[in-house]
Amino acid sequence: MRRAQRALARRGAATGLPIRSMFRQATVYKGRNRDTCWFSILSREWPALKQAFERWLDPDNFDTAGRQRQSLTSLRSG
């Protein structure tokens, strides 16, 4: 797995959305091949993930400088 693919997999895992498919070299942008990843969840997984996203995006989760107080990962696990 290439470095860019690993980074995408980490981002997907952090949001609770696993990679289901990767279209390698799906497009060319600024002269470079770009992959397209498809992420998905099951309908039974959505309620818990939705609740974590809502808590993460709540204005109270951000300090006055706009930094998050709790990460999405910590909200998903707790």
PDB file of N, CA and C in Angstrom:
ATOM      1  N   MET A   1       0.853  -1.177   0.000  1.00  0.00           N
ATOM      2  CA  MET A   1       0.000   0.000   0.000  1.00  0.00           C
ATOM      3  C   MET A   1       0.897   1.239   0.000  1.00  0.00           C
ATOM      4  N   ARG A   2       0.588   2.138  -0.884  1.00  0.00           N
ATOM      5  CA  ARG A   2       1.381   3.368  -0.981  1.00  0.00           C
ATOM      6  C   ARG A   2       1.119   4.277   0.209  1.00  0.00           C
ATOM      7  N   ARG A   3       2.031   5.229   0.412  1.00  0.00           N
ATOM      8  CA  ARG A   3       1.913   6.154   1.539  1.00  0.00           C
ATOM      9  C   ARG A   3       0.591   6.920   1.502  1.00  0.00           C
ATOM     10  N   ALA A   4       0.200   7.394   0.340  1.00  0.00           N
ATOM     11  CA  ALA A   4      -1.062   8.140   0.219  1.00  0.00           C
ATOM     12  C   ALA A   4      -2.256   7.247   0.563  1.00  0.00           C
ATOM     13  N   GLN A   5      -2.200   5.995   0.150  1.00  0.00           N
ATOM     14  CA  GLN A   5      -3.290   5.072   0.456  1.00  0.00           C
ATOM     15  C   GLN A   5      -3.367   4.808   1.959  1.00  0.00           C
ATOM     16  N   ARG A   6      -2.214   4.680   2.602  1.00  0.00           N
ATOM     17  CA  ARG A   6      -2.198   4.471   4.056  1.00  0.00           C
ATOM     18  C   ARG A   6      -2.792   5.671   4.776  1.00  0.00           C
ATOM     19  N   ALA A   7      -2.473   6.877   4.298  1.00  0.00           N
ATOM     20  CA  ALA A   7      -3.015   8.095   4.908  1.00  0.00           C
ATOM     21  C   ALA A   7      -4.536   8.126   4.772  1.00  0.00           C
ATOM     22  N   LEU A   8      -5.050   7.759   3.606  1.00  0.00           N
ATOM     23  CA  LEU A   8      -6.498   7.714   3.409  1.00  0.00           C
ATOM     24  C   LEU A   8      -7.145   6.685   4.325  1.00  0.00           C
ATOM     25  N   ALA A   9      -6.513   5.543   4.470  1.00  0.00           N
ATOM     26  CA  ALA A   9      -7.051   4.504   5.345  1.00  0.00           C
ATOM     27  C   ALA A   9      -7.109   4.992   6.790  1.00  0.00           C
ATOM     28  N   ARG A  10      -6.075   5.722   7.231  1.00  0.00           N
ATOM     29  CA  ARG A  10      -6.068   6.271   8.595  1.00  0.00           C
ATOM     30  C   ARG A  10      -7.184   7.295   8.772  1.00  0.00           C
ATOM     31  N   ARG A  11      -7.372   8.161   7.787  1.00  0.00           N
ATOM     32  CA  ARG A  11      -8.444   9.159   7.878  1.00  0.00           C
ATOM     33  C   ARG A  11      -9.809   8.491   7.941  1.00  0.00           C
ATOM     34  N   GLY A  12      -9.982   7.489   7.130  1.00  0.00           N
ATOM     35  CA  GLY A  12     -11.255   6.762   7.150  1.00  0.00           C
ATOM     36  C   GLY A  12     -11.493   6.084   8.476  1.00  0.00           C
ATOM     37  N   ALA A  13     -10.456   5.467   9.033  1.00  0.00           N
ATOM     38  CA  ALA A  13     -10.587   4.800  10.326  1.00  0.00           C
ATOM     39  C   ALA A  13     -10.906   5.810  11.420  1.00  0.00           C
ATOM     40  N   ALA A  14     -10.326   6.991  11.353  1.00  0.00           N
ATOM     41  CA  ALA A  14     -10.572   8.022  12.369  1.00  0.00           C
ATOM     42  C   ALA A  14     -12.023   8.482  12.350  1.00  0.00           C
ATOM     43  N   THR A  15     -12.650   8.455  11.200  1.00  0.00           N
ATOM     44  CA  THR A  15     -14.046   8.879  11.107  1.00  0.00           C
ATOM     45  C   THR A  15     -15.015   7.718  11.304  1.00  0.00           C
ATOM     46  N   GLY A  16     -14.495   6.514  11.384  1.00  0.00           N
ATOM     47  CA  GLY A  16     -15.359   5.350  11.528  1.00  0.00           C
ATOM     48  C   GLY A  16     -15.843   4.800  10.212  1.00  0.00           C
ATOM     49  N   LEU A  17     -15.275   5.282   9.120  1.00  0.00           N
ATOM     50  CA  LEU A  17     -15.683   4.843   7.789  1.00  0.00           C
ATOM     51  C   LEU A  17     -14.556   4.046   7.145  1.00  0.00           C
ATOM     52  N   PRO A  18     -14.661   2.725   7.120  1.00  0.00           N
ATOM     53  CA  PRO A  18     -13.598   1.930   6.503  1.00  0.00           C
ATOM     54  C   PRO A  18     -13.624   2.035   4.982  1.00  0.00           C
ATOM     55  N   ILE A  19     -12.463   1.876   4.378  1.00  0.00           N
ATOM     56  CA  ILE A  19     -12.375   1.863   2.920  1.00  0.00           C
ATOM     57  C   ILE A  19     -13.024   0.583   2.406  1.00  0.00           C
ATOM     58  N   ARG A  20     -13.931   0.741   1.477  1.00  0.00           N
ATOM     59  CA  ARG A  20     -14.582  -0.415   0.855  1.00  0.00           C
ATOM     60  C   ARG A  20     -14.029  -0.691  -0.528  1.00  0.00           C
ATOM     61  N   SER A  21     -13.515   0.342  -1.157  1.00  0.00           N
ATOM     62  CA  SER A  21     -12.996   0.164  -2.505  1.00  0.00           C
ATOM     63  C   SER A  21     -12.033   1.299  -2.817  1.00  0.00           C
ATOM     64  N   MET A  22     -11.044   1.001  -3.636  1.00  0.00           N
ATOM     65  CA  MET A  22     -10.121   2.036  -4.082  1.00  0.00           C
ATOM     66  C   MET A  22      -9.953   1.909  -5.590  1.00  0.00           C
ATOM     67  N   PHE A  23     -10.251   2.998  -6.263  1.00  0.00           N
ATOM     68  CA  PHE A  23     -10.020   3.060  -7.696  1.00  0.00           C
ATOM     69  C   PHE A  23      -8.664   3.707  -7.909  1.00  0.00           C
ATOM     70  N   ARG A  24      -7.706   2.890  -8.247  1.00  0.00           N
ATOM     71  CA  ARG A  24      -6.348   3.389  -8.422  1.00  0.00           C
ATOM     72  C   ARG A  24      -6.228   4.129  -9.738  1.00  0.00           C
ATOM     73  N   GLN A  25      -5.504   5.241  -9.704  1.00  0.00           N
ATOM     74  CA  GLN A  25      -5.288   6.092 -10.871  1.00  0.00           C
ATOM     75  C   GLN A  25      -6.620   6.474 -11.522  1.00  0.00           C
ATOM     76  N   ALA A  26      -7.563   6.888 -10.681  1.00  0.00           N
ATOM     77  CA  ALA A  26      -8.908   7.219 -11.159  1.00  0.00           C
ATOM     78  C   ALA A  26      -8.937   8.502 -11.975  1.00  0.00           C
ATOM     79  N   THR A  27      -8.024   9.404 -11.696  1.00  0.00           N
ATOM     80  CA  THR A  27      -8.011  10.679 -12.400  1.00  0.00           C
ATOM     81  C   THR A  27      -6.592  11.232 -12.407  1.00  0.00           C
ATOM     82  N   VAL A  28      -6.374  12.220 -13.248  1.00  0.00           N
ATOM     83  CA  VAL A  28      -5.091  12.924 -13.284  1.00  0.00           C
ATOM     84  C   VAL A  28      -5.355  14.355 -12.867  1.00  0.00           C
ATOM     85  N   TYR A  29      -4.612  14.827 -11.878  1.00  0.00           N
ATOM     86  CA  TYR A  29      -4.765  16.181 -11.356  1.00  0.00           C
ATOM     87  C   TYR A  29      -3.384  16.792 -11.220  1.00  0.00           C
ATOM     88  N   LYS A  30      -3.182  17.937 -11.842  1.00  0.00           N
ATOM     89  CA  LYS A  30      -1.888  18.617 -11.841  1.00  0.00           C
ATOM     90  C   LYS A  30      -0.758  17.672 -12.268  1.00  0.00           C
ATOM     91  N   GLY A  31      -1.068  16.869 -13.274  1.00  0.00           N
ATOM     92  CA  GLY A  31      -0.062  15.991 -13.857  1.00  0.00           C
ATOM     93  C   GLY A  31       0.249  14.734 -13.063  1.00  0.00           C
ATOM     94  N   ARG A  32      -0.518  14.477 -11.998  1.00  0.00           N
ATOM     95  CA  ARG A  32      -0.267  13.283 -11.179  1.00  0.00           C
ATOM     96  C   ARG A  32      -1.512  12.417 -11.134  1.00  0.00           C
ATOM     97  N   ASN A  33      -1.320  11.109 -11.102  1.00  0.00           N
ATOM     98  CA  ASN A  33      -2.437  10.190 -10.935  1.00  0.00           C
ATOM     99  C   ASN A  33      -2.980  10.318  -9.519  1.00  0.00           C
ATOM    100  N   ARG A  34      -4.286  10.256  -9.407  1.00  0.00           N
ATOM    101  CA  ARG A  34      -4.941  10.312  -8.102  1.00  0.00           C
ATOM    102  C   ARG A  34      -5.854   9.105  -7.943  1.00  0.00           C
ATOM    103  N   ASP A  35      -5.846   8.551  -6.750  1.00  0.00           N
ATOM    104  CA  ASP A  35      -6.733   7.447  -6.421  1.00  0.00           C
ATOM    105  C   ASP A  35      -8.039   8.006  -5.860  1.00  0.00           C
ATOM    106  N   THR A  36      -9.108   7.241  -5.994  1.00  0.00           N
ATOM    107  CA  THR A  36     -10.382   7.596  -5.402  1.00  0.00           C
ATOM    108  C   THR A  36     -10.777   6.470  -4.460  1.00  0.00           C
ATOM    109  N   CYS A  37     -11.030   6.827  -3.199  1.00  0.00           N
ATOM    110  CA  CYS A  37     -11.445   5.841  -2.201  1.00  0.00           C
ATOM    111  C   CYS A  37     -12.933   5.970  -1.929  1.00  0.00           C
ATOM    112  N   TRP A  38     -13.560   4.833  -1.759  1.00  0.00           N
ATOM    113  CA  TRP A  38     -14.962   4.795  -1.384  1.00  0.00           C
ATOM    114  C   TRP A  38     -15.031   4.273   0.042  1.00  0.00           C
ATOM    115  N   PHE A  39     -15.673   5.043   0.910  1.00  0.00           N
ATOM    116  CA  PHE A  39     -15.860   4.663   2.298  1.00  0.00           C
ATOM    117  C   PHE A  39     -17.328   4.319   2.509  1.00  0.00           C
ATOM    118  N   SER A  40     -17.610   3.471   3.487  1.00  0.00           N
ATOM    119  CA  SER A  40     -19.016   3.151   3.739  1.00  0.00           C
ATOM    120  C   SER A  40     -19.210   2.677   5.173  1.00  0.00           C
ATOM    121  N   ILE A  41     -20.453   2.744   5.599  1.00  0.00           N
ATOM    122  CA  ILE A  41     -20.866   2.156   6.867  1.00  0.00           C
ATOM    123  C   ILE A  41     -22.199   1.470   6.639  1.00  0.00           C
ATOM    124  N   LEU A  42     -22.560   0.606   7.551  1.00  0.00           N
ATOM    125  CA  LEU A  42     -23.850  -0.065   7.484  1.00  0.00           C
ATOM    126  C   LEU A  42     -24.884   0.759   8.229  1.00  0.00           C
ATOM    127  N   SER A  43     -26.138   0.604   7.856  1.00  0.00           N
ATOM    128  CA  SER A  43     -27.202   1.394   8.492  1.00  0.00           C
ATOM    129  C   SER A  43     -27.253   1.157   9.994  1.00  0.00           C
ATOM    130  N   ARG A  44     -26.935  -0.029  10.450  1.00  0.00           N
ATOM    131  CA  ARG A  44     -26.972  -0.297  11.894  1.00  0.00           C
ATOM    132  C   ARG A  44     -25.809   0.381  12.627  1.00  0.00           C
ATOM    133  N   GLU A  45     -24.747   0.769  11.893  1.00  0.00           N
ATOM    134  CA  GLU A  45     -23.610   1.457  12.500  1.00  0.00           C
ATOM    135  C   GLU A  45     -23.833   2.970  12.583  1.00  0.00           C
ATOM    136  N   TRP A  46     -24.769   3.492  11.789  1.00  0.00           N
ATOM    137  CA  TRP A  46     -24.941   4.929  11.670  1.00  0.00           C
ATOM    138  C   TRP A  46     -25.364   5.629  12.964  1.00  0.00           C
ATOM    139  N   PRO A  47     -26.331   5.127  13.751  1.00  0.00           N
ATOM    140  CA  PRO A  47     -26.773   5.879  14.927  1.00  0.00           C
ATOM    141  C   PRO A  47     -25.625   6.245  15.884  1.00  0.00           C
ATOM    142  N   ALA A  48     -24.748   5.314  16.187  1.00  0.00           N
ATOM    143  CA  ALA A  48     -23.626   5.608  17.092  1.00  0.00           C
ATOM    144  C   ALA A  48     -22.644   6.580  16.450  1.00  0.00           C
ATOM    145  N   LEU A  49     -22.392   6.400  15.167  1.00  0.00           N
ATOM    146  CA  LEU A  49     -21.461   7.293  14.471  1.00  0.00           C
ATOM    147  C   LEU A  49     -22.049   8.699  14.360  1.00  0.00           C
ATOM    148  N   LYS A  50     -23.338   8.795  14.082  1.00  0.00           N
ATOM    149  CA  LYS A  50     -24.001  10.096  13.992  1.00  0.00           C
ATOM    150  C   LYS A  50     -23.900  10.843  15.321  1.00  0.00           C
ATOM    151  N   GLN A  51     -24.127  10.146  16.412  1.00  0.00           N
ATOM    152  CA  GLN A  51     -24.047  10.764  17.733  1.00  0.00           C
ATOM    153  C   GLN A  51     -22.633  11.279  18.007  1.00  0.00           C
ATOM    154  N   ALA A  52     -21.625  10.500  17.641  1.00  0.00           N
ATOM    155  CA  ALA A  52     -20.234  10.933  17.838  1.00  0.00           C
ATOM    156  C   ALA A  52     -19.934  12.169  16.984  1.00  0.00           C
ATOM    157  N   PHE A  53     -20.381  12.182  15.738  1.00  0.00           N
ATOM    158  CA  PHE A  53     -20.172  13.352  14.875  1.00  0.00           C
ATOM    159  C   PHE A  53     -20.857  14.591  15.449  1.00  0.00           C
ATOM    160  N   GLU A  54     -22.073  14.436  15.940  1.00  0.00           N
ATOM    161  CA  GLU A  54     -22.789  15.583  16.498  1.00  0.00           C
ATOM    162  C   GLU A  54     -22.084  16.142  17.727  1.00  0.00           C
ATOM    163  N   ARG A  55     -21.580  15.258  18.591  1.00  0.00           N
ATOM    164  CA  ARG A  55     -20.838  15.737  19.767  1.00  0.00           C
ATOM    165  C   ARG A  55     -19.531  16.390  19.347  1.00  0.00           C
ATOM    166  N   TRP A  56     -18.873  15.825  18.335  1.00  0.00           N
ATOM    167  CA  TRP A  56     -17.598  16.359  17.866  1.00  0.00           C
ATOM    168  C   TRP A  56     -17.770  17.746  17.245  1.00  0.00           C
ATOM    169  N   LEU A  57     -18.854  17.932  16.499  1.00  0.00           N
ATOM    170  CA  LEU A  57     -19.093  19.206  15.813  1.00  0.00           C
ATOM    171  C   LEU A  57     -19.813  20.241  16.676  1.00  0.00           C
ATOM    172  N   ASP A  58     -20.224  19.859  17.862  1.00  0.00           N
ATOM    173  CA  ASP A  58     -20.903  20.788  18.767  1.00  0.00           C
ATOM    174  C   ASP A  58     -19.991  21.976  19.070  1.00  0.00           C
ATOM    175  N   PRO A  59     -20.497  23.193  19.026  1.00  0.00           N
ATOM    176  CA  PRO A  59     -19.665  24.371  19.313  1.00  0.00           C
ATOM    177  C   PRO A  59     -18.946  24.298  20.669  1.00  0.00           C
ATOM    178  N   ASP A  60     -19.538  23.623  21.654  1.00  0.00           N
ATOM    179  CA  ASP A  60     -18.891  23.487  22.961  1.00  0.00           C
ATOM    180  C   ASP A  60     -17.637  22.612  22.915  1.00  0.00           C
ATOM    181  N   ASN A  61     -17.455  21.867  21.835  1.00  0.00           N
ATOM    182  CA  ASN A  61     -16.267  21.025  21.707  1.00  0.00           C
ATOM    183  C   ASN A  61     -15.058  21.801  21.181  1.00  0.00           C
ATOM    184  N   PHE A  62     -15.209  23.091  20.963  1.00  0.00           N
ATOM    185  CA  PHE A  62     -14.114  23.903  20.428  1.00  0.00           C
ATOM    186  C   PHE A  62     -13.798  25.046  21.384  1.00  0.00           C
ATOM    187  N   ASP A  63     -12.495  25.303  21.557  1.00  0.00           N
ATOM    188  CA  ASP A  63     -12.104  26.425  22.408  1.00  0.00           C
ATOM    189  C   ASP A  63     -12.201  27.734  21.628  1.00  0.00           C
ATOM    190  N   THR A  64     -11.807  28.826  22.250  1.00  0.00           N
ATOM    191  CA  THR A  64     -11.955  30.141  21.614  1.00  0.00           C
ATOM    192  C   THR A  64     -11.069  30.309  20.388  1.00  0.00           C
ATOM    193  N   ALA A  65     -10.007  29.484  20.296  1.00  0.00           N
ATOM    194  CA  ALA A  65      -9.129  29.535  19.123  1.00  0.00           C
ATOM    195  C   ALA A  65      -9.602  28.587  18.024  1.00  0.00           C
ATOM    196  N   GLY A  66     -10.721  27.883  18.271  1.00  0.00           N
ATOM    197  CA  GLY A  66     -11.254  26.978  17.260  1.00  0.00           C
ATOM    198  C   GLY A  66     -10.657  25.582  17.287  1.00  0.00           C
ATOM    199  N   ARG A  67      -9.882  25.267  18.334  1.00  0.00           N
ATOM    200  CA  ARG A  67      -9.289  23.928  18.441  1.00  0.00           C
ATOM    201  C   ARG A  67     -10.263  22.986  19.133  1.00  0.00           C
ATOM    202  N   GLN A  68     -10.315  21.765  18.631  1.00  0.00           N
ATOM    203  CA  GLN A  68     -11.219  20.791  19.228  1.00  0.00           C
ATOM    204  C   GLN A  68     -10.745  20.408  20.626  1.00  0.00           C
ATOM    205  N   ARG A  69     -11.682  20.203  21.522  1.00  0.00           N
ATOM    206  CA  ARG A  69     -11.361  19.759  22.876  1.00  0.00           C
ATOM    207  C   ARG A  69     -11.237  18.238  22.913  1.00  0.00           C
ATOM    208  N   GLN A  70     -12.141  17.560  22.233  1.00  0.00           N
ATOM    209  CA  GLN A  70     -12.108  16.105  22.146  1.00  0.00           C
ATOM    210  C   GLN A  70     -12.080  15.706  20.670  1.00  0.00           C
ATOM    211  N   SER A  71     -11.296  14.701  20.374  1.00  0.00           N
ATOM    212  CA  SER A  71     -11.201  14.230  18.995  1.00  0.00           C
ATOM    213  C   SER A  71     -12.398  13.344  18.667  1.00  0.00           C
ATOM    214  N   LEU A  72     -12.661  13.199  17.392  1.00  0.00           N
ATOM    215  CA  LEU A  72     -13.733  12.308  16.962  1.00  0.00           C
ATOM    216  C   LEU A  72     -13.429  10.879  17.398  1.00  0.00           C
ATOM    217  N   THR A  73     -12.175  10.483  17.306  1.00  0.00           N
ATOM    218  CA  THR A  73     -11.787   9.128  17.714  1.00  0.00           C
ATOM    219  C   THR A  73     -12.130   8.884  19.181  1.00  0.00           C
ATOM    220  N   SER A  74     -11.800   9.848  20.052  1.00  0.00           N
ATOM    221  CA  SER A  74     -12.083   9.655  21.478  1.00  0.00           C
ATOM    222  C   SER A  74     -13.589   9.634  21.736  1.00  0.00           C
ATOM    223  N   LEU A  75     -14.351  10.422  21.013  1.00  0.00           N
ATOM    224  CA  LEU A  75     -15.798  10.432  21.178  1.00  0.00           C
ATOM    225  C   LEU A  75     -16.431   9.140  20.681  1.00  0.00           C
ATOM    226  N   ARG A  76     -15.844   8.554  19.666  1.00  0.00           N
ATOM    227  CA  ARG A  76     -16.354   7.280  19.151  1.00  0.00           C
ATOM    228  C   ARG A  76     -16.089   6.143  20.119  1.00  0.00           C
ATOM    229  N   SER A  77     -14.957   6.191  20.807  1.00  0.00           N
ATOM    230  CA  SER A  77     -14.593   5.088  21.696  1.00  0.00           C
ATOM    231  C   SER A  77     -15.200   5.244  23.082  1.00  0.00           C
ATOM    232  N   GLY A  78     -15.614   6.456  23.440  1.00  0.00           N
ATOM    233  CA  GLY A  78     -16.120   6.697  24.798  1.00  0.00           C
ATOM    234  C   GLY A  78     -17.550   6.845  24.800  1.00  0.00           C
TER     235      GLY A  78
END
